[in-house]
Amino acid sequence: MDPKLILQETIQRKIFTLRGKRVMLDRDIAVLYGVETRVINQAVRRNKARFPDDFMFQLTKEDIKILRSQIVILKENQHLKYMPYAFTEHGILMLSSVLNSERAIQANIQIMRAFTKMREMLLSYRDLKEKIENMEQKYDYQFKAVFEAIQQLLEPPDKPQSKIGFQKE
């Protein structure tokens, strides 16, 4: 797979949210870099000081359950021999310096672009959400009088009305 042909959407589908961070799994990075997963894990073990917990972490059983809801990592009764590693954006940057191949560099550029695009989409989502909330506040106030009038029409009157016509006493 030529890294230049990697679509941003393909990479974005491989970015998941775990422990409140956007991450990619070691196996997905390995495919993009054109290496085996064990090569990535060996490079990490040899350069442990470059990968603090906020750059990379090993998944737990709880993380696997969360991932099952986001993707199909394994079927419910299957087990992993080794728990995968998850790399944050900074961990992926560090990984590309450890795996110093041309393909890793090119794939890493595409991955960083995907993270940037996702960040931009998140910001535009927040802006849109804020605009909608502002509109709701503005129009809720304006339509409050209309809603109150409708409510009054739907409620029965407080005192019973007298009947029309002649009444016997």
C-alpha atoms as a PDB file:
ATOM      1  CA  MET A   1       0.000   0.000   0.000  1.00  0.00           C
ATOM      2  CA  ASP A   2       1.515   3.278  -1.105  1.00  0.00           C
ATOM      3  CA  PRO A   3       1.327   5.747   1.839  1.00  0.00           C
ATOM      4  CA  LYS A   4       0.556   8.554  -0.589  1.00  0.00           C
ATOM      5  CA  LEU A   5      -2.624   6.710  -1.559  1.00  0.00           C
ATOM      6  CA  ILE A   6      -3.842   6.330   2.027  1.00  0.00           C
ATOM      7  CA  LEU A   7      -7.143   8.124   2.284  1.00  0.00           C
ATOM      8  CA  GLN A   8      -7.759  10.421   5.232  1.00  0.00           C
ATOM      9  CA  GLU A   9     -11.084   8.676   5.838  1.00  0.00           C
ATOM     10  CA  THR A  10      -9.303   5.318   6.130  1.00  0.00           C
ATOM     11  CA  ILE A  11      -6.979   6.688   8.776  1.00  0.00           C
ATOM     12  CA  GLN A  12      -9.783   8.505  10.587  1.00  0.00           C
ATOM     13  CA  ARG A  13     -11.701   5.221  10.905  1.00  0.00           C
ATOM     14  CA  LYS A  14      -8.666   3.808  12.727  1.00  0.00           C
ATOM     15  CA  ILE A  15      -8.629   6.590  15.328  1.00  0.00           C
ATOM     16  CA  PHE A  16     -10.604   5.686  18.445  1.00  0.00           C
ATOM     17  CA  THR A  17     -11.364   7.327  21.743  1.00  0.00           C
ATOM     18  CA  LEU A  18     -10.061   5.522  24.810  1.00  0.00           C
ATOM     19  CA  ARG A  19      -9.533   6.947  28.287  1.00  0.00           C
ATOM     20  CA  GLY A  20     -10.565  10.345  26.965  1.00  0.00           C
ATOM     21  CA  LYS A  21      -7.800  10.385  24.332  1.00  0.00           C
ATOM     22  CA  ARG A  22      -7.818   9.863  20.600  1.00  0.00           C
ATOM     23  CA  VAL A  23      -5.574   6.895  19.846  1.00  0.00           C
ATOM     24  CA  MET A  24      -4.564   4.407  17.182  1.00  0.00           C
ATOM     25  CA  LEU A  25      -3.834   0.747  17.870  1.00  0.00           C
ATOM     26  CA  ASP A  26      -0.422  -0.757  17.242  1.00  0.00           C
ATOM     27  CA  ARG A  27      -1.813  -3.198  14.654  1.00  0.00           C
ATOM     28  CA  ASP A  28      -3.385  -0.397  12.592  1.00  0.00           C
ATOM     29  CA  ILE A  29      -0.201   1.676  12.682  1.00  0.00           C
ATOM     30  CA  ALA A  30       1.800  -1.392  11.648  1.00  0.00           C
ATOM     31  CA  VAL A  31      -0.364  -1.839   8.549  1.00  0.00           C
ATOM     32  CA  LEU A  32       0.086   1.819   7.592  1.00  0.00           C
ATOM     33  CA  TYR A  33       3.846   1.682   8.214  1.00  0.00           C
ATOM     34  CA  GLY A  34       4.184  -1.613   6.313  1.00  0.00           C
ATOM     35  CA  VAL A  35       5.706  -3.542   9.210  1.00  0.00           C
ATOM     36  CA  GLU A  36       4.554  -6.305  11.537  1.00  0.00           C
ATOM     37  CA  THR A  37       3.010  -5.325  14.844  1.00  0.00           C
ATOM     38  CA  ARG A  38       5.836  -7.042  16.721  1.00  0.00           C
ATOM     39  CA  VAL A  39       8.345  -4.692  15.019  1.00  0.00           C
ATOM     40  CA  ILE A  40       6.525  -1.690  16.478  1.00  0.00           C
ATOM     41  CA  ASN A  41       6.339  -3.295  19.923  1.00  0.00           C
ATOM     42  CA  GLN A  42      10.056  -4.181  19.839  1.00  0.00           C
ATOM     43  CA  ALA A  43      10.950  -0.616  18.907  1.00  0.00           C
ATOM     44  CA  VAL A  44       8.848   0.662  21.815  1.00  0.00           C
ATOM     45  CA  ARG A  45      10.490  -1.739  24.291  1.00  0.00           C
ATOM     46  CA  ARG A  46      13.948  -0.680  23.106  1.00  0.00           C
ATOM     47  CA  ASN A  47      13.059   3.018  23.475  1.00  0.00           C
ATOM     48  CA  LYS A  48      10.788   2.915  26.553  1.00  0.00           C
ATOM     49  CA  ALA A  49      11.939   6.364  27.756  1.00  0.00           C
ATOM     50  CA  ARG A  50      10.484   7.928  24.588  1.00  0.00           C
ATOM     51  CA  PHE A  51       6.976   6.630  25.331  1.00  0.00           C
ATOM     52  CA  PRO A  52       5.535   7.951  28.601  1.00  0.00           C
ATOM     53  CA  ASP A  53       1.969   7.049  29.576  1.00  0.00           C
ATOM     54  CA  ASP A  54       0.481  10.076  27.837  1.00  0.00           C
ATOM     55  CA  PHE A  55       2.109   8.943  24.544  1.00  0.00           C
ATOM     56  CA  MET A  56       1.224   5.249  24.695  1.00  0.00           C
ATOM     57  CA  PHE A  57      -0.493   2.742  26.953  1.00  0.00           C
ATOM     58  CA  GLN A  58      -1.309  -0.939  26.884  1.00  0.00           C
ATOM     59  CA  LEU A  59      -4.992  -1.792  26.706  1.00  0.00           C
ATOM     60  CA  THR A  60      -6.829  -3.433  29.578  1.00  0.00           C
ATOM     61  CA  LYS A  61      -9.780  -5.816  29.423  1.00  0.00           C
ATOM     62  CA  GLU A  62     -12.071  -2.843  30.116  1.00  0.00           C
ATOM     63  CA  ASP A  63     -10.513  -0.971  27.172  1.00  0.00           C
ATOM     64  CA  ILE A  64     -11.175  -3.994  24.945  1.00  0.00           C
ATOM     65  CA  LYS A  65     -14.854  -3.949  25.978  1.00  0.00           C
ATOM     66  CA  ILE A  66     -15.050  -0.257  25.071  1.00  0.00           C
ATOM     67  CA  LEU A  67     -13.352  -0.906  21.731  1.00  0.00           C
ATOM     68  CA  ARG A  68     -15.808  -3.695  20.963  1.00  0.00           C
ATOM     69  CA  SER A  69     -18.525  -1.071  21.066  1.00  0.00           C
ATOM     70  CA  GLN A  70     -16.578   1.211  18.678  1.00  0.00           C
ATOM     71  CA  ILE A  71     -15.190  -1.471  16.345  1.00  0.00           C
ATOM     72  CA  VAL A  72     -15.087  -5.208  15.997  1.00  0.00           C
ATOM     73  CA  ILE A  73     -11.709  -5.954  17.587  1.00  0.00           C
ATOM     74  CA  LEU A  74     -12.661  -9.509  18.556  1.00  0.00           C
ATOM     75  CA  LYS A  75     -15.840 -11.451  18.945  1.00  0.00           C
ATOM     76  CA  GLU A  76     -17.137 -11.656  22.504  1.00  0.00           C
ATOM     77  CA  ASN A  77     -15.666 -15.072  23.383  1.00  0.00           C
ATOM     78  CA  GLN A  78     -12.311 -14.718  21.625  1.00  0.00           C
ATOM     79  CA  HIS A  79      -9.178 -13.791  23.557  1.00  0.00           C
ATOM     80  CA  LEU A  80      -6.039 -11.860  22.712  1.00  0.00           C
ATOM     81  CA  LYS A  81      -2.647 -13.435  23.263  1.00  0.00           C
ATOM     82  CA  TYR A  82      -1.134  -9.996  23.962  1.00  0.00           C
ATOM     83  CA  MET A  83      -2.974  -6.842  24.861  1.00  0.00           C
ATOM     84  CA  PRO A  84      -2.489  -4.231  22.110  1.00  0.00           C
ATOM     85  CA  TYR A  85      -0.866  -0.863  22.629  1.00  0.00           C
ATOM     86  CA  ALA A  86      -2.670   2.386  21.935  1.00  0.00           C
ATOM     87  CA  PHE A  87      -0.685   5.394  20.721  1.00  0.00           C
ATOM     88  CA  THR A  88      -1.784   8.995  21.119  1.00  0.00           C
ATOM     89  CA  GLU A  89      -0.928  11.586  18.503  1.00  0.00           C
ATOM     90  CA  HIS A  90       2.344  12.379  20.300  1.00  0.00           C
ATOM     91  CA  GLY A  91       3.167   8.684  20.603  1.00  0.00           C
ATOM     92  CA  ILE A  92       2.701   8.242  16.867  1.00  0.00           C
ATOM     93  CA  LEU A  93       5.053  11.158  16.232  1.00  0.00           C
ATOM     94  CA  MET A  94       7.651   9.566  18.498  1.00  0.00           C
ATOM     95  CA  LEU A  95       7.112   6.186  16.868  1.00  0.00           C
ATOM     96  CA  SER A  96       7.959   7.568  13.449  1.00  0.00           C
ATOM     97  CA  SER A  97      11.323   8.774  14.768  1.00  0.00           C
ATOM     98  CA  VAL A  98      12.066   5.301  16.149  1.00  0.00           C
ATOM     99  CA  LEU A  99      10.978   3.508  12.964  1.00  0.00           C
ATOM    100  CA  ASN A 100      13.022   5.615  10.603  1.00  0.00           C
ATOM    101  CA  SER A 101      11.893   4.296   7.236  1.00  0.00           C
ATOM    102  CA  GLU A 102      10.651   6.314   4.275  1.00  0.00           C
ATOM    103  CA  ARG A 103       7.276   4.584   4.366  1.00  0.00           C
ATOM    104  CA  ALA A 104       6.878   5.251   8.112  1.00  0.00           C
ATOM    105  CA  ILE A 105       7.642   8.928   7.541  1.00  0.00           C
ATOM    106  CA  GLN A 106       5.128   9.237   4.681  1.00  0.00           C
ATOM    107  CA  ALA A 107       2.440   7.307   6.572  1.00  0.00           C
ATOM    108  CA  ASN A 108       3.086   9.421   9.645  1.00  0.00           C
ATOM    109  CA  ILE A 109       2.515  12.621   7.660  1.00  0.00           C
ATOM    110  CA  GLN A 110      -0.873  11.284   6.555  1.00  0.00           C
ATOM    111  CA  ILE A 111      -1.751  10.240  10.115  1.00  0.00           C
ATOM    112  CA  MET A 112      -0.888  13.705  11.454  1.00  0.00           C
ATOM    113  CA  ARG A 113      -3.082  15.265   8.763  1.00  0.00           C
ATOM    114  CA  ALA A 114      -5.948  12.999   9.829  1.00  0.00           C
ATOM    115  CA  PHE A 115      -5.549  14.022  13.484  1.00  0.00           C
ATOM    116  CA  THR A 116      -5.479  17.687  12.445  1.00  0.00           C
ATOM    117  CA  LYS A 117      -8.602  17.296  10.313  1.00  0.00           C
ATOM    118  CA  MET A 118     -10.432  15.595  13.178  1.00  0.00           C
ATOM    119  CA  ARG A 119      -9.431  18.422  15.511  1.00  0.00           C
ATOM    120  CA  GLU A 120     -10.755  20.990  13.006  1.00  0.00           C
ATOM    121  CA  MET A 121     -14.026  19.076  12.683  1.00  0.00           C
ATOM    122  CA  LEU A 122     -14.370  18.999  16.465  1.00  0.00           C
ATOM    123  CA  LEU A 123     -13.861  22.772  16.657  1.00  0.00           C
ATOM    124  CA  SER A 124     -16.449  23.412  13.955  1.00  0.00           C
ATOM    125  CA  TYR A 125     -18.840  21.070  15.774  1.00  0.00           C
ATOM    126  CA  ARG A 126     -18.383  23.082  18.968  1.00  0.00           C
ATOM    127  CA  ASP A 127     -18.998  26.346  17.087  1.00  0.00           C
ATOM    128  CA  LEU A 128     -22.147  24.930  15.521  1.00  0.00           C
ATOM    129  CA  LYS A 129     -23.388  23.654  18.878  1.00  0.00           C
ATOM    130  CA  GLU A 130     -22.826  27.072  20.442  1.00  0.00           C
ATOM    131  CA  LYS A 131     -24.715  28.809  17.620  1.00  0.00           C
ATOM    132  CA  ILE A 132     -27.651  26.441  17.999  1.00  0.00           C
ATOM    133  CA  GLU A 133     -27.756  26.977  21.761  1.00  0.00           C
ATOM    134  CA  ASN A 134     -27.723  30.757  21.258  1.00  0.00           C
ATOM    135  CA  MET A 135     -30.565  30.509  18.746  1.00  0.00           C
ATOM    136  CA  GLU A 136     -32.569  28.327  21.139  1.00  0.00           C
ATOM    137  CA  GLN A 137     -32.187  30.909  23.918  1.00  0.00           C
ATOM    138  CA  LYS A 138     -33.142  33.774  21.632  1.00  0.00           C
ATOM    139  CA  TYR A 139     -36.182  32.099  20.094  1.00  0.00           C
ATOM    140  CA  ASP A 140     -37.295  30.400  23.301  1.00  0.00           C
ATOM    141  CA  TYR A 141     -37.766  33.845  24.828  1.00  0.00           C
ATOM    142  CA  GLN A 142     -39.675  35.124  21.778  1.00  0.00           C
ATOM    143  CA  PHE A 143     -41.944  32.099  21.582  1.00  0.00           C
ATOM    144  CA  LYS A 144     -42.565  31.971  25.327  1.00  0.00           C
ATOM    145  CA  ALA A 145     -45.498  34.393  24.954  1.00  0.00           C
ATOM    146  CA  VAL A 146     -46.946  32.303  22.139  1.00  0.00           C
ATOM    147  CA  PHE A 147     -46.622  29.115  24.179  1.00  0.00           C
ATOM    148  CA  GLU A 148     -48.281  30.780  27.189  1.00  0.00           C
ATOM    149  CA  ALA A 149     -51.222  31.958  25.030  1.00  0.00           C
ATOM    150  CA  ILE A 150     -51.688  28.469  23.617  1.00  0.00           C
ATOM    151  CA  GLN A 151     -51.521  27.009  27.111  1.00  0.00           C
ATOM    152  CA  GLN A 152     -54.256  29.398  28.294  1.00  0.00           C
ATOM    153  CA  LEU A 153     -56.471  28.357  25.404  1.00  0.00           C
ATOM    154  CA  LEU A 154     -56.011  24.696  26.250  1.00  0.00           C
ATOM    155  CA  GLU A 155     -56.759  25.086  29.984  1.00  0.00           C
ATOM    156  CA  PRO A 156     -60.380  25.055  31.136  1.00  0.00           C
ATOM    157  CA  PRO A 157     -61.668  28.324  32.594  1.00  0.00           C
ATOM    158  CA  ASP A 158     -61.311  28.855  36.345  1.00  0.00           C
ATOM    159  CA  LYS A 159     -65.038  29.488  37.097  1.00  0.00           C
ATOM    160  CA  PRO A 160     -67.862  27.594  35.504  1.00  0.00           C
ATOM    161  CA  GLN A 161     -69.772  29.630  33.001  1.00  0.00           C
ATOM    162  CA  SER A 162     -73.458  30.175  33.558  1.00  0.00           C
ATOM    163  CA  LYS A 163     -75.749  28.384  31.214  1.00  0.00           C
ATOM    164  CA  ILE A 164     -77.373  30.351  28.439  1.00  0.00           C
ATOM    165  CA  GLY A 165     -81.138  30.751  28.505  1.00  0.00           C
ATOM    166  CA  PHE A 166     -83.893  30.924  31.070  1.00  0.00           C
ATOM    167  CA  GLN A 167     -83.186  29.097  34.313  1.00  0.00           C
ATOM    168  CA  LYS A 168     -85.788  27.779  36.736  1.00  0.00           C
ATOM    169  CA  GLU A 169     -85.164  28.341  40.323  1.00  0.00           C
END
